[in-house]
Amino acid sequence: MFQVVVIYWRGGVKTNSSYLFLLIGMTIITYLCRRLLLRVPDRILTKRLKSGLAFVPIGIYSGLVFPSLFIGETGLQWKPLYLFASIFCLLTLRFTNNFLLSFFIGMGFVLIGSSF
């Protein structure tokens, strides 16, 4: 009834239980980091530090998105479809403030553009 997925990995075999323990471990670490940061006193976590930490999600998101737009298998590449889709996605987000709608517009642009 249950299917065990076996993935071959360098020097060994990992099964679903290994990934389950990995997922549980990452969940615990993420939860603890978030809870500990909320318990930091205001004299340590100053207003300036809080405003600097506000830019961390933007930096992480940029680090995830920009390589897919400009870097290919051989280095820097021009990918106009992804670039225009991201521009339409950002414009939709700017004018509607609806993240889900902008996501679907960007994905729809890529799907329609890649079919031609």
PDB file of N, CA and C in Angstrom:
ATOM      1  N   MET A   1       0.813  -1.183   0.000  1.00  0.00           N
ATOM      2  CA  MET A   1       0.000   0.000   0.000  1.00  0.00           C
ATOM      3  C   MET A   1       0.861   1.253   0.000  1.00  0.00           C
ATOM      4  N   PHE A   2       1.857   1.345   0.874  1.00  0.00           N
ATOM      5  CA  PHE A   2       2.771   2.476   0.880  1.00  0.00           C
ATOM      6  C   PHE A   2       3.982   2.136   0.034  1.00  0.00           C
ATOM      7  N   GLN A   3       4.384   3.066  -0.767  1.00  0.00           N
ATOM      8  CA  GLN A   3       5.524   2.845  -1.643  1.00  0.00           C
ATOM      9  C   GLN A   3       6.747   3.536  -1.052  1.00  0.00           C
ATOM     10  N   VAL A   4       7.825   2.820  -0.930  1.00  0.00           N
ATOM     11  CA  VAL A   4       9.061   3.372  -0.401  1.00  0.00           C
ATOM     12  C   VAL A   4       9.894   3.868  -1.569  1.00  0.00           C
ATOM     13  N   VAL A   5      10.219   5.142  -1.539  1.00  0.00           N
ATOM     14  CA  VAL A   5      11.022   5.736  -2.589  1.00  0.00           C
ATOM     15  C   VAL A   5      12.477   5.666  -2.159  1.00  0.00           C
ATOM     16  N   VAL A   6      13.304   5.103  -3.018  1.00  0.00           N
ATOM     17  CA  VAL A   6      14.723   4.988  -2.721  1.00  0.00           C
ATOM     18  C   VAL A   6      15.473   5.902  -3.667  1.00  0.00           C
ATOM     19  N   ILE A   7      16.290   6.763  -3.120  1.00  0.00           N
ATOM     20  CA  ILE A   7      17.069   7.694  -3.914  1.00  0.00           C
ATOM     21  C   ILE A   7      18.537   7.364  -3.722  1.00  0.00           C
ATOM     22  N   TYR A   8      19.240   7.171  -4.818  1.00  0.00           N
ATOM     23  CA  TYR A   8      20.659   6.855  -4.727  1.00  0.00           C
ATOM     24  C   TYR A   8      21.434   8.145  -4.538  1.00  0.00           C
ATOM     25  N   TRP A   9      22.281   8.128  -3.571  1.00  0.00           N
ATOM     26  CA  TRP A   9      23.028   9.293  -3.175  1.00  0.00           C
ATOM     27  C   TRP A   9      24.472   8.895  -3.055  1.00  0.00           C
ATOM     28  N   ARG A  10      25.395   9.829  -3.136  1.00  0.00           N
ATOM     29  CA  ARG A  10      26.817   9.520  -3.079  1.00  0.00           C
ATOM     30  C   ARG A  10      27.147   8.613  -1.905  1.00  0.00           C
ATOM     31  N   GLY A  11      27.549   7.411  -2.195  1.00  0.00           N
ATOM     32  CA  GLY A  11      28.024   6.518  -1.153  1.00  0.00           C
ATOM     33  C   GLY A  11      26.945   5.824  -0.354  1.00  0.00           C
ATOM     34  N   GLY A  12      25.702   6.004  -0.665  1.00  0.00           N
ATOM     35  CA  GLY A  12      24.684   5.333   0.135  1.00  0.00           C
ATOM     36  C   GLY A  12      23.301   5.504  -0.444  1.00  0.00           C
ATOM     37  N   VAL A  13      22.346   4.976   0.275  1.00  0.00           N
ATOM     38  CA  VAL A  13      20.954   5.024  -0.147  1.00  0.00           C
ATOM     39  C   VAL A  13      20.162   5.715   0.947  1.00  0.00           C
ATOM     40  N   LYS A  14      19.313   6.651   0.547  1.00  0.00           N
ATOM     41  CA  LYS A  14      18.446   7.332   1.506  1.00  0.00           C
ATOM     42  C   LYS A  14      17.010   6.904   1.233  1.00  0.00           C
ATOM     43  N   THR A  15      16.259   6.681   2.273  1.00  0.00           N
ATOM     44  CA  THR A  15      14.854   6.324   2.126  1.00  0.00           C
ATOM     45  C   THR A  15      13.994   7.459   2.657  1.00  0.00           C
ATOM     46  N   ASN A  16      12.699   7.246   2.626  1.00  0.00           N
ATOM     47  CA  ASN A  16      11.774   8.281   3.089  1.00  0.00           C
ATOM     48  C   ASN A  16      11.985   8.633   4.551  1.00  0.00           C
ATOM     49  N   SER A  17      12.367   7.677   5.383  1.00  0.00           N
ATOM     50  CA  SER A  17      12.540   7.973   6.803  1.00  0.00           C
ATOM     51  C   SER A  17      13.675   8.968   7.020  1.00  0.00           C
ATOM     52  N   SER A  18      14.717   8.901   6.205  1.00  0.00           N
ATOM     53  CA  SER A  18      15.808   9.860   6.326  1.00  0.00           C
ATOM     54  C   SER A  18      15.317  11.271   6.024  1.00  0.00           C
ATOM     55  N   TYR A  19      14.499  11.403   5.007  1.00  0.00           N
ATOM     56  CA  TYR A  19      13.968  12.712   4.665  1.00  0.00           C
ATOM     57  C   TYR A  19      12.975  13.194   5.720  1.00  0.00           C
ATOM     58  N   LEU A  20      12.254  12.277   6.333  1.00  0.00           N
ATOM     59  CA  LEU A  20      11.325  12.656   7.391  1.00  0.00           C
ATOM     60  C   LEU A  20      12.088  13.220   8.581  1.00  0.00           C
ATOM     61  N   PHE A  21      13.172  12.559   8.989  1.00  0.00           N
ATOM     62  CA  PHE A  21      13.981  13.073  10.092  1.00  0.00           C
ATOM     63  C   PHE A  21      14.628  14.404   9.728  1.00  0.00           C
ATOM     64  N   LEU A  22      15.059  14.548   8.488  1.00  0.00           N
ATOM     65  CA  LEU A  22      15.641  15.806   8.036  1.00  0.00           C
ATOM     66  C   LEU A  22      14.607  16.922   8.092  1.00  0.00           C
ATOM     67  N   LEU A  23      13.400  16.651   7.646  1.00  0.00           N
ATOM     68  CA  LEU A  23      12.326  17.646   7.665  1.00  0.00           C
ATOM     69  C   LEU A  23      11.966  18.033   9.100  1.00  0.00           C
ATOM     70  N   ILE A  24      11.880  17.053   9.980  1.00  0.00           N
ATOM     71  CA  ILE A  24      11.570  17.346  11.379  1.00  0.00           C
ATOM     72  C   ILE A  24      12.680  18.180  12.004  1.00  0.00           C
ATOM     73  N   GLY A  25      13.932  17.840  11.731  1.00  0.00           N
ATOM     74  CA  GLY A  25      15.055  18.605  12.265  1.00  0.00           C
ATOM     75  C   GLY A  25      15.066  20.041  11.778  1.00  0.00           C
ATOM     76  N   MET A  26      14.827  20.250  10.485  1.00  0.00           N
ATOM     77  CA  MET A  26      14.795  21.611   9.946  1.00  0.00           C
ATOM     78  C   MET A  26      13.632  22.402  10.527  1.00  0.00           C
ATOM     79  N   THR A  27      12.496  21.736  10.762  1.00  0.00           N
ATOM     80  CA  THR A  27      11.345  22.409  11.359  1.00  0.00           C
ATOM     81  C   THR A  27      11.662  22.878  12.776  1.00  0.00           C
ATOM     82  N   ILE A  28      12.291  22.013  13.555  1.00  0.00           N
ATOM     83  CA  ILE A  28      12.638  22.366  14.933  1.00  0.00           C
ATOM     84  C   ILE A  28      13.629  23.529  14.965  1.00  0.00           C
ATOM     85  N   ILE A  29      14.641  23.480  14.116  1.00  0.00           N
ATOM     86  CA  ILE A  29      15.640  24.547  14.091  1.00  0.00           C
ATOM     87  C   ILE A  29      15.018  25.872  13.668  1.00  0.00           C
ATOM     88  N   THR A  30      14.167  25.848  12.657  1.00  0.00           N
ATOM     89  CA  THR A  30      13.510  27.076  12.215  1.00  0.00           C
ATOM     90  C   THR A  30      12.617  27.642  13.314  1.00  0.00           C
ATOM     91  N   TYR A  31      11.863  26.783  13.959  1.00  0.00           N
ATOM     92  CA  TYR A  31      10.979  27.242  15.038  1.00  0.00           C
ATOM     93  C   TYR A  31      11.783  27.850  16.180  1.00  0.00           C
ATOM     94  N   LEU A  32      12.866  27.181  16.576  1.00  0.00           N
ATOM     95  CA  LEU A  32      13.673  27.693  17.678  1.00  0.00           C
ATOM     96  C   LEU A  32      14.317  29.038  17.333  1.00  0.00           C
ATOM     97  N   CYS A  33      14.803  29.178  16.116  1.00  0.00           N
ATOM     98  CA  CYS A  33      15.397  30.461  15.704  1.00  0.00           C
ATOM     99  C   CYS A  33      14.372  31.582  15.760  1.00  0.00           C
ATOM    100  N   ARG A  34      13.178  31.325  15.311  1.00  0.00           N
ATOM    101  CA  ARG A  34      12.141  32.361  15.336  1.00  0.00           C
ATOM    102  C   ARG A  34      11.734  32.696  16.765  1.00  0.00           C
ATOM    103  N   ARG A  35      11.564  31.685  17.601  1.00  0.00           N
ATOM    104  CA  ARG A  35      11.153  31.934  18.983  1.00  0.00           C
ATOM    105  C   ARG A  35      12.252  32.646  19.771  1.00  0.00           C
ATOM    106  N   LEU A  36      13.490  32.272  19.561  1.00  0.00           N
ATOM    107  CA  LEU A  36      14.581  32.917  20.285  1.00  0.00           C
ATOM    108  C   LEU A  36      14.735  34.375  19.874  1.00  0.00           C
ATOM    109  N   LEU A  37      14.514  34.673  18.595  1.00  0.00           N
ATOM    110  CA  LEU A  37      14.624  36.061  18.137  1.00  0.00           C
ATOM    111  C   LEU A  37      13.525  36.931  18.738  1.00  0.00           C
ATOM    112  N   LEU A  38      12.369  36.343  19.001  1.00  0.00           N
ATOM    113  CA  LEU A  38      11.288  37.115  19.618  1.00  0.00           C
ATOM    114  C   LEU A  38      11.559  37.397  21.091  1.00  0.00           C
ATOM    115  N   ARG A  39      12.408  36.608  21.712  1.00  0.00           N
ATOM    116  CA  ARG A  39      12.702  36.768  23.132  1.00  0.00           C
ATOM    117  C   ARG A  39      13.884  37.700  23.408  1.00  0.00           C
ATOM    118  N   VAL A  40      14.515  38.210  22.365  1.00  0.00           N
ATOM    119  CA  VAL A  40      15.664  39.097  22.551  1.00  0.00           C
ATOM    120  C   VAL A  40      15.183  40.429  23.109  1.00  0.00           C
ATOM    121  N   PRO A  41      15.820  40.945  24.163  1.00  0.00           N
ATOM    122  CA  PRO A  41      15.378  42.221  24.744  1.00  0.00           C
ATOM    123  C   PRO A  41      15.576  43.400  23.781  1.00  0.00           C
ATOM    124  N   ASP A  42      14.825  44.446  24.014  1.00  0.00           N
ATOM    125  CA  ASP A  42      14.877  45.619  23.144  1.00  0.00           C
ATOM    126  C   ASP A  42      16.215  46.353  23.223  1.00  0.00           C
ATOM    127  N   ARG A  43      16.947  46.222  24.309  1.00  0.00           N
ATOM    128  CA  ARG A  43      18.236  46.905  24.387  1.00  0.00           C
ATOM    129  C   ARG A  43      19.270  46.246  23.472  1.00  0.00           C
ATOM    130  N   ILE A  44      19.098  44.972  23.155  1.00  0.00           N
ATOM    131  CA  ILE A  44      20.011  44.282  22.229  1.00  0.00           C
ATOM    132  C   ILE A  44      19.519  44.439  20.793  1.00  0.00           C
ATOM    133  N   LEU A  45      18.220  44.219  20.591  1.00  0.00           N
ATOM    134  CA  LEU A  45      17.626  44.326  19.259  1.00  0.00           C
ATOM    135  C   LEU A  45      17.095  45.747  19.087  1.00  0.00           C
ATOM    136  N   THR A  46      17.974  46.657  18.733  1.00  0.00           N
ATOM    137  CA  THR A  46      17.626  48.069  18.637  1.00  0.00           C
ATOM    138  C   THR A  46      16.741  48.347  17.432  1.00  0.00           C
ATOM    139  N   LYS A  47      16.230  49.554  17.371  1.00  0.00           N
ATOM    140  CA  LYS A  47      15.365  49.954  16.254  1.00  0.00           C
ATOM    141  C   LYS A  47      16.136  49.909  14.934  1.00  0.00           C
ATOM    142  N   ARG A  48      17.383  50.303  14.964  1.00  0.00           N
ATOM    143  CA  ARG A  48      18.206  50.290  13.753  1.00  0.00           C
ATOM    144  C   ARG A  48      18.458  48.854  13.276  1.00  0.00           C
ATOM    145  N   LEU A  49      18.706  47.950  14.195  1.00  0.00           N
ATOM    146  CA  LEU A  49      18.922  46.544  13.838  1.00  0.00           C
ATOM    147  C   LEU A  49      17.642  45.915  13.307  1.00  0.00           C
ATOM    148  N   LYS A  50      16.505  46.264  13.918  1.00  0.00           N
ATOM    149  CA  LYS A  50      15.224  45.759  13.425  1.00  0.00           C
ATOM    150  C   LYS A  50      14.943  46.233  12.007  1.00  0.00           C
ATOM    151  N   SER A  51      15.248  47.487  11.721  1.00  0.00           N
ATOM    152  CA  SER A  51      15.015  47.988  10.363  1.00  0.00           C
ATOM    153  C   SER A  51      15.969  47.335   9.372  1.00  0.00           C
ATOM    154  N   GLY A  52      17.173  47.004   9.803  1.00  0.00           N
ATOM    155  CA  GLY A  52      18.096  46.286   8.927  1.00  0.00           C
ATOM    156  C   GLY A  52      17.648  44.865   8.669  1.00  0.00           C
ATOM    157  N   LEU A  53      17.095  44.201   9.693  1.00  0.00           N
ATOM    158  CA  LEU A  53      16.607  42.833   9.526  1.00  0.00           C
ATOM    159  C   LEU A  53      15.373  42.769   8.618  1.00  0.00           C
ATOM    160  N   ALA A  54      14.694  43.886   8.452  1.00  0.00           N
ATOM    161  CA  ALA A  54      13.527  43.909   7.575  1.00  0.00           C
ATOM    162  C   ALA A  54      13.910  43.681   6.117  1.00  0.00           C
ATOM    163  N   PHE A  55      15.176  43.941   5.763  1.00  0.00           N
ATOM    164  CA  PHE A  55      15.616  43.756   4.382  1.00  0.00           C
ATOM    165  C   PHE A  55      16.102  42.343   4.091  1.00  0.00           C
ATOM    166  N   VAL A  56      16.188  41.488   5.079  1.00  0.00           N
ATOM    167  CA  VAL A  56      16.672  40.121   4.871  1.00  0.00           C
ATOM    168  C   VAL A  56      15.764  39.338   3.924  1.00  0.00           C
ATOM    169  N   PRO A  57      14.423  39.339   4.095  1.00  0.00           N
ATOM    170  CA  PRO A  57      13.587  38.590   3.144  1.00  0.00           C
ATOM    171  C   PRO A  57      13.718  39.086   1.710  1.00  0.00           C
ATOM    172  N   ILE A  58      13.882  40.384   1.531  1.00  0.00           N
ATOM    173  CA  ILE A  58      14.040  40.932   0.176  1.00  0.00           C
ATOM    174  C   ILE A  58      15.341  40.433  -0.440  1.00  0.00           C
ATOM    175  N   GLY A  59      16.401  40.404   0.338  1.00  0.00           N
ATOM    176  CA  GLY A  59      17.681  39.912  -0.161  1.00  0.00           C
ATOM    177  C   GLY A  59      17.639  38.435  -0.504  1.00  0.00           C
ATOM    178  N   ILE A  60      16.967  37.641   0.318  1.00  0.00           N
ATOM    179  CA  ILE A  60      16.858  36.209   0.045  1.00  0.00           C
ATOM    180  C   ILE A  60      16.026  35.981  -1.216  1.00  0.00           C
ATOM    181  N   TYR A  61      14.917  36.691  -1.340  1.00  0.00           N
ATOM    182  CA  TYR A  61      14.067  36.539  -2.528  1.00  0.00           C
ATOM    183  C   TYR A  61      14.825  36.956  -3.790  1.00  0.00           C
ATOM    184  N   SER A  62      15.572  38.037  -3.708  1.00  0.00           N
ATOM    185  CA  SER A  62      16.362  38.469  -4.866  1.00  0.00           C
ATOM    186  C   SER A  62      17.422  37.436  -5.224  1.00  0.00           C
ATOM    187  N   GLY A  63      18.038  36.854  -4.212  1.00  0.00           N
ATOM    188  CA  GLY A  63      19.041  35.824  -4.460  1.00  0.00           C
ATOM    189  C   GLY A  63      18.463  34.583  -5.099  1.00  0.00           C
ATOM    190  N   LEU A  64      17.190  34.320  -4.874  1.00  0.00           N
ATOM    191  CA  LEU A  64      16.546  33.167  -5.500  1.00  0.00           C
ATOM    192  C   LEU A  64      16.054  33.470  -6.910  1.00  0.00           C
ATOM    193  N   VAL A  65      15.577  34.688  -7.138  1.00  0.00           N
ATOM    194  CA  VAL A  65      14.940  35.018  -8.420  1.00  0.00           C
ATOM    195  C   VAL A  65      15.942  35.466  -9.482  1.00  0.00           C
ATOM    196  N   PHE A  66      16.870  36.338  -9.142  1.00  0.00           N
ATOM    197  CA  PHE A  66      17.752  36.917 -10.152  1.00  0.00           C
ATOM    198  C   PHE A  66      18.617  35.902 -10.890  1.00  0.00           C
ATOM    199  N   PRO A  67      19.161  34.880 -10.246  1.00  0.00           N
ATOM    200  CA  PRO A  67      19.932  33.903 -11.032  1.00  0.00           C
ATOM    201  C   PRO A  67      19.096  33.185 -12.088  1.00  0.00           C
ATOM    202  N   SER A  68      17.826  32.920 -11.788  1.00  0.00           N
ATOM    203  CA  SER A  68      16.992  32.255 -12.792  1.00  0.00           C
ATOM    204  C   SER A  68      16.669  33.174 -13.962  1.00  0.00           C
ATOM    205  N   LEU A  69      16.747  34.479 -13.746  1.00  0.00           N
ATOM    206  CA  LEU A  69      16.467  35.417 -14.833  1.00  0.00           C
ATOM    207  C   LEU A  69      17.670  35.645 -15.736  1.00  0.00           C
ATOM    208  N   PHE A  70      18.868  35.635 -15.185  1.00  0.00           N
ATOM    209  CA  PHE A  70      20.024  36.082 -15.952  1.00  0.00           C
ATOM    210  C   PHE A  70      21.140  35.052 -16.113  1.00  0.00           C
ATOM    211  N   ILE A  71      21.132  33.960 -15.372  1.00  0.00           N
ATOM    212  CA  ILE A  71      22.233  33.006 -15.437  1.00  0.00           C
ATOM    213  C   ILE A  71      21.730  31.691 -16.013  1.00  0.00           C
ATOM    214  N   GLY A  72      22.408  31.213 -17.051  1.00  0.00           N
ATOM    215  CA  GLY A  72      22.068  29.950 -17.674  1.00  0.00           C
ATOM    216  C   GLY A  72      23.175  28.932 -17.474  1.00  0.00           C
ATOM    217  N   GLU A  73      23.175  27.924 -18.313  1.00  0.00           N
ATOM    218  CA  GLU A  73      24.158  26.858 -18.196  1.00  0.00           C
ATOM    219  C   GLU A  73      25.568  27.318 -18.534  1.00  0.00           C
ATOM    220  N   THR A  74      25.677  28.296 -19.414  1.00  0.00           N
ATOM    221  CA  THR A  74      27.004  28.735 -19.857  1.00  0.00           C
ATOM    222  C   THR A  74      27.415  30.084 -19.284  1.00  0.00           C
ATOM    223  N   GLY A  75      26.675  30.610 -18.331  1.00  0.00           N
ATOM    224  CA  GLY A  75      26.989  31.914 -17.754  1.00  0.00           C
ATOM    225  C   GLY A  75      25.819  32.862 -17.921  1.00  0.00           C
ATOM    226  N   LEU A  76      26.141  34.138 -18.103  1.00  0.00           N
ATOM    227  CA  LEU A  76      25.083  35.125 -18.280  1.00  0.00           C
ATOM    228  C   LEU A  76      24.370  34.920 -19.602  1.00  0.00           C
ATOM    229  N   GLN A  77      23.058  34.892 -19.560  1.00  0.00           N
ATOM    230  CA  GLN A  77      22.249  34.713 -20.765  1.00  0.00           C
ATOM    231  C   GLN A  77      21.070  35.679 -20.727  1.00  0.00           C
ATOM    232  N   TRP A  78      20.621  36.044 -21.887  1.00  0.00           N
ATOM    233  CA  TRP A  78      19.468  36.906 -22.027  1.00  0.00           C
ATOM    234  C   TRP A  78      18.238  36.014 -22.155  1.00  0.00           C
ATOM    235  N   LYS A  79      17.351  36.080 -21.177  1.00  0.00           N
ATOM    236  CA  LYS A  79      16.112  35.292 -21.191  1.00  0.00           C
ATOM    237  C   LYS A  79      14.933  36.263 -21.183  1.00  0.00           C
ATOM    238  N   PRO A  80      14.543  36.754 -22.343  1.00  0.00           N
ATOM    239  CA  PRO A  80      13.518  37.803 -22.368  1.00  0.00           C
ATOM    240  C   PRO A  80      12.160  37.341 -21.846  1.00  0.00           C
ATOM    241  N   LEU A  81      11.816  36.068 -22.042  1.00  0.00           N
ATOM    242  CA  LEU A  81      10.509  35.595 -21.569  1.00  0.00           C
ATOM    243  C   LEU A  81      10.398  35.712 -20.054  1.00  0.00           C
ATOM    244  N   TYR A  82      11.410  35.251 -19.331  1.00  0.00           N
ATOM    245  CA  TYR A  82      11.384  35.326 -17.874  1.00  0.00           C
ATOM    246  C   TYR A  82      11.470  36.770 -17.390  1.00  0.00           C
ATOM    247  N   LEU A  83      12.247  37.573 -18.101  1.00  0.00           N
ATOM    248  CA  LEU A  83      12.394  38.973 -17.710  1.00  0.00           C
ATOM    249  C   LEU A  83      11.080  39.734 -17.873  1.00  0.00           C
ATOM    250  N   PHE A  84      10.408  39.542 -19.014  1.00  0.00           N
ATOM    251  CA  PHE A  84       9.136  40.232 -19.236  1.00  0.00           C
ATOM    252  C   PHE A  84       8.050  39.703 -18.299  1.00  0.00           C
ATOM    253  N   ALA A  85       8.077  38.402 -18.022  1.00  0.00           N
ATOM    254  CA  ALA A  85       7.101  37.841 -17.081  1.00  0.00           C
ATOM    255  C   ALA A  85       7.299  38.428 -15.696  1.00  0.00           C
ATOM    256  N   SER A  86       8.537  38.600 -15.287  1.00  0.00           N
ATOM    257  CA  SER A  86       8.780  39.186 -13.961  1.00  0.00           C
ATOM    258  C   SER A  86       8.379  40.659 -13.930  1.00  0.00           C
ATOM    259  N   ILE A  87       8.580  41.368 -15.034  1.00  0.00           N
ATOM    260  CA  ILE A  87       8.155  42.778 -15.091  1.00  0.00           C
ATOM    261  C   ILE A  87       6.637  42.880 -14.994  1.00  0.00           C
ATOM    262  N   PHE A  88       5.909  42.034 -15.743  1.00  0.00           N
ATOM    263  CA  PHE A  88       4.443  42.053 -15.660  1.00  0.00           C
ATOM    264  C   PHE A  88       3.968  41.644 -14.269  1.00  0.00           C
ATOM    265  N   CYS A  89       4.653  40.691 -13.667  1.00  0.00           N
ATOM    266  CA  CYS A  89       4.305  40.253 -12.313  1.00  0.00           C
ATOM    267  C   CYS A  89       4.491  41.402 -11.314  1.00  0.00           C
ATOM    268  N   LEU A  90       5.605  42.113 -11.400  1.00  0.00           N
ATOM    269  CA  LEU A  90       5.859  43.234 -10.494  1.00  0.00           C
ATOM    270  C   LEU A  90       4.898  44.388 -10.718  1.00  0.00           C
ATOM    271  N   LEU A  91       4.578  44.667 -11.992  1.00  0.00           N
ATOM    272  CA  LEU A  91       3.611  45.735 -12.273  1.00  0.00           C
ATOM    273  C   LEU A  91       2.224  45.389 -11.735  1.00  0.00           C
ATOM    274  N   THR A  92       1.832  44.131 -11.888  1.00  0.00           N
ATOM    275  CA  THR A  92       0.538  43.708 -11.352  1.00  0.00           C
ATOM    276  C   THR A  92       0.527  43.820  -9.837  1.00  0.00           C
ATOM    277  N   LEU A  93       1.615  43.419  -9.207  1.00  0.00           N
ATOM    278  CA  LEU A  93       1.707  43.518  -7.750  1.00  0.00           C
ATOM    279  C   LEU A  93       1.679  44.972  -7.300  1.00  0.00           C
ATOM    280  N   ARG A  94       2.315  45.826  -8.048  1.00  0.00           N
ATOM    281  CA  ARG A  94       2.382  47.252  -7.691  1.00  0.00           C
ATOM    282  C   ARG A  94       1.009  47.913  -7.742  1.00  0.00           C
ATOM    283  N   PHE A  95       0.230  47.592  -8.784  1.00  0.00           N
ATOM    284  CA  PHE A  95      -1.038  48.293  -8.971  1.00  0.00           C
ATOM    285  C   PHE A  95      -2.217  47.619  -8.276  1.00  0.00           C
ATOM    286  N   THR A  96      -2.146  46.311  -8.036  1.00  0.00           N
ATOM    287  CA  THR A  96      -3.279  45.631  -7.409  1.00  0.00           C
ATOM    288  C   THR A  96      -3.024  45.251  -5.958  1.00  0.00           C
ATOM    289  N   ASN A  97      -1.752  45.198  -5.540  1.00  0.00           N
ATOM    290  CA  ASN A  97      -1.366  44.737  -4.199  1.00  0.00           C
ATOM    291  C   ASN A  97      -1.904  43.339  -3.902  1.00  0.00           C
ATOM    292  N   ASN A  98      -2.073  42.543  -4.947  1.00  0.00           N
ATOM    293  CA  ASN A  98      -2.565  41.179  -4.795  1.00  0.00           C
ATOM    294  C   ASN A  98      -1.451  40.230  -5.227  1.00  0.00           C
ATOM    295  N   PHE A  99      -0.805  39.616  -4.250  1.00  0.00           N
ATOM    296  CA  PHE A  99       0.335  38.750  -4.541  1.00  0.00           C
ATOM    297  C   PHE A  99      -0.076  37.534  -5.364  1.00  0.00           C
ATOM    298  N   LEU A 100      -1.215  36.929  -5.033  1.00  0.00           N
ATOM    299  CA  LEU A 100      -1.654  35.729  -5.735  1.00  0.00           C
ATOM    300  C   LEU A 100      -1.978  36.028  -7.197  1.00  0.00           C
ATOM    301  N   LEU A 101      -2.645  37.141  -7.447  1.00  0.00           N
ATOM    302  CA  LEU A 101      -2.959  37.519  -8.826  1.00  0.00           C
ATOM    303  C   LEU A 101      -1.684  37.787  -9.621  1.00  0.00           C
ATOM    304  N   SER A 102      -0.727  38.480  -9.025  1.00  0.00           N
ATOM    305  CA  SER A 102       0.522  38.760  -9.736  1.00  0.00           C
ATOM    306  C   SER A 102       1.294  37.488 -10.018  1.00  0.00           C
ATOM    307  N   PHE A 103       1.262  36.538  -9.082  1.00  0.00           N
ATOM    308  CA  PHE A 103       1.911  35.250  -9.299  1.00  0.00           C
ATOM    309  C   PHE A 103       1.300  34.526 -10.493  1.00  0.00           C
ATOM    310  N   PHE A 104      -0.039  34.463 -10.546  1.00  0.00           N
ATOM    311  CA  PHE A 104      -0.695  33.768 -11.647  1.00  0.00           C
ATOM    312  C   PHE A 104      -0.485  34.490 -12.976  1.00  0.00           C
ATOM    313  N   ILE A 105      -0.424  35.795 -12.969  1.00  0.00           N
ATOM    314  CA  ILE A 105      -0.163  36.529 -14.215  1.00  0.00           C
ATOM    315  C   ILE A 105       1.250  36.246 -14.712  1.00  0.00           C
ATOM    316  N   GLY A 106       2.224  36.256 -13.816  1.00  0.00           N
ATOM    317  CA  GLY A 106       3.593  35.943 -14.217  1.00  0.00           C
ATOM    318  C   GLY A 106       3.732  34.520 -14.734  1.00  0.00           C
ATOM    319  N   MET A 107       3.139  33.565 -14.032  1.00  0.00           N
ATOM    320  CA  MET A 107       3.205  32.169 -14.472  1.00  0.00           C
ATOM    321  C   MET A 107       2.447  31.969 -15.782  1.00  0.00           C
ATOM    322  N   GLY A 108       1.305  32.623 -15.913  1.00  0.00           N
ATOM    323  CA  GLY A 108       0.540  32.517 -17.159  1.00  0.00           C
ATOM    324  C   GLY A 108       1.317  33.082 -18.339  1.00  0.00           C
ATOM    325  N   PHE A 109       2.015  34.178 -18.106  1.00  0.00           N
ATOM    326  CA  PHE A 109       2.826  34.771 -19.163  1.00  0.00           C
ATOM    327  C   PHE A 109       3.923  33.801 -19.606  1.00  0.00           C
ATOM    328  N   VAL A 110       4.548  33.139 -18.643  1.00  0.00           N
ATOM    329  CA  VAL A 110       5.600  32.175 -18.992  1.00  0.00           C
ATOM    330  C   VAL A 110       5.010  30.974 -19.729  1.00  0.00           C
ATOM    331  N   LEU A 111       3.868  30.463 -19.263  1.00  0.00           N
ATOM    332  CA  LEU A 111       3.260  29.302 -19.911  1.00  0.00           C
ATOM    333  C   LEU A 111       2.801  29.614 -21.336  1.00  0.00           C
ATOM    334  N   ILE A 112       2.185  30.753 -21.501  1.00  0.00           N
ATOM    335  CA  ILE A 112       1.728  31.125 -22.863  1.00  0.00           C
ATOM    336  C   ILE A 112       2.928  31.425 -23.761  1.00  0.00           C
ATOM    337  N   GLY A 113       3.901  32.123 -23.229  1.00  0.00           N
ATOM    338  CA  GLY A 113       5.074  32.454 -24.029  1.00  0.00           C
ATOM    339  C   GLY A 113       5.926  31.254 -24.399  1.00  0.00           C
ATOM    340  N   SER A 114       5.994  30.257 -23.527  1.00  0.00           N
ATOM    341  CA  SER A 114       6.807  29.079 -23.843  1.00  0.00           C
ATOM    342  C   SER A 114       6.115  28.138 -24.811  1.00  0.00           C
ATOM    343  N   SER A 115       4.813  28.295 -25.004  1.00  0.00           N
ATOM    344  CA  SER A 115       4.106  27.422 -25.942  1.00  0.00           C
ATOM    345  C   SER A 115       4.283  27.878 -27.388  1.00  0.00           C
ATOM    346  N   PHE A 116       4.771  29.081 -27.599  1.00  0.00           N
ATOM    347  CA  PHE A 116       4.975  29.568 -28.973  1.00  0.00           C
ATOM    348  C   PHE A 116       6.386  29.351 -29.434  1.00  0.00           C
TER     349      PHE A 116
END
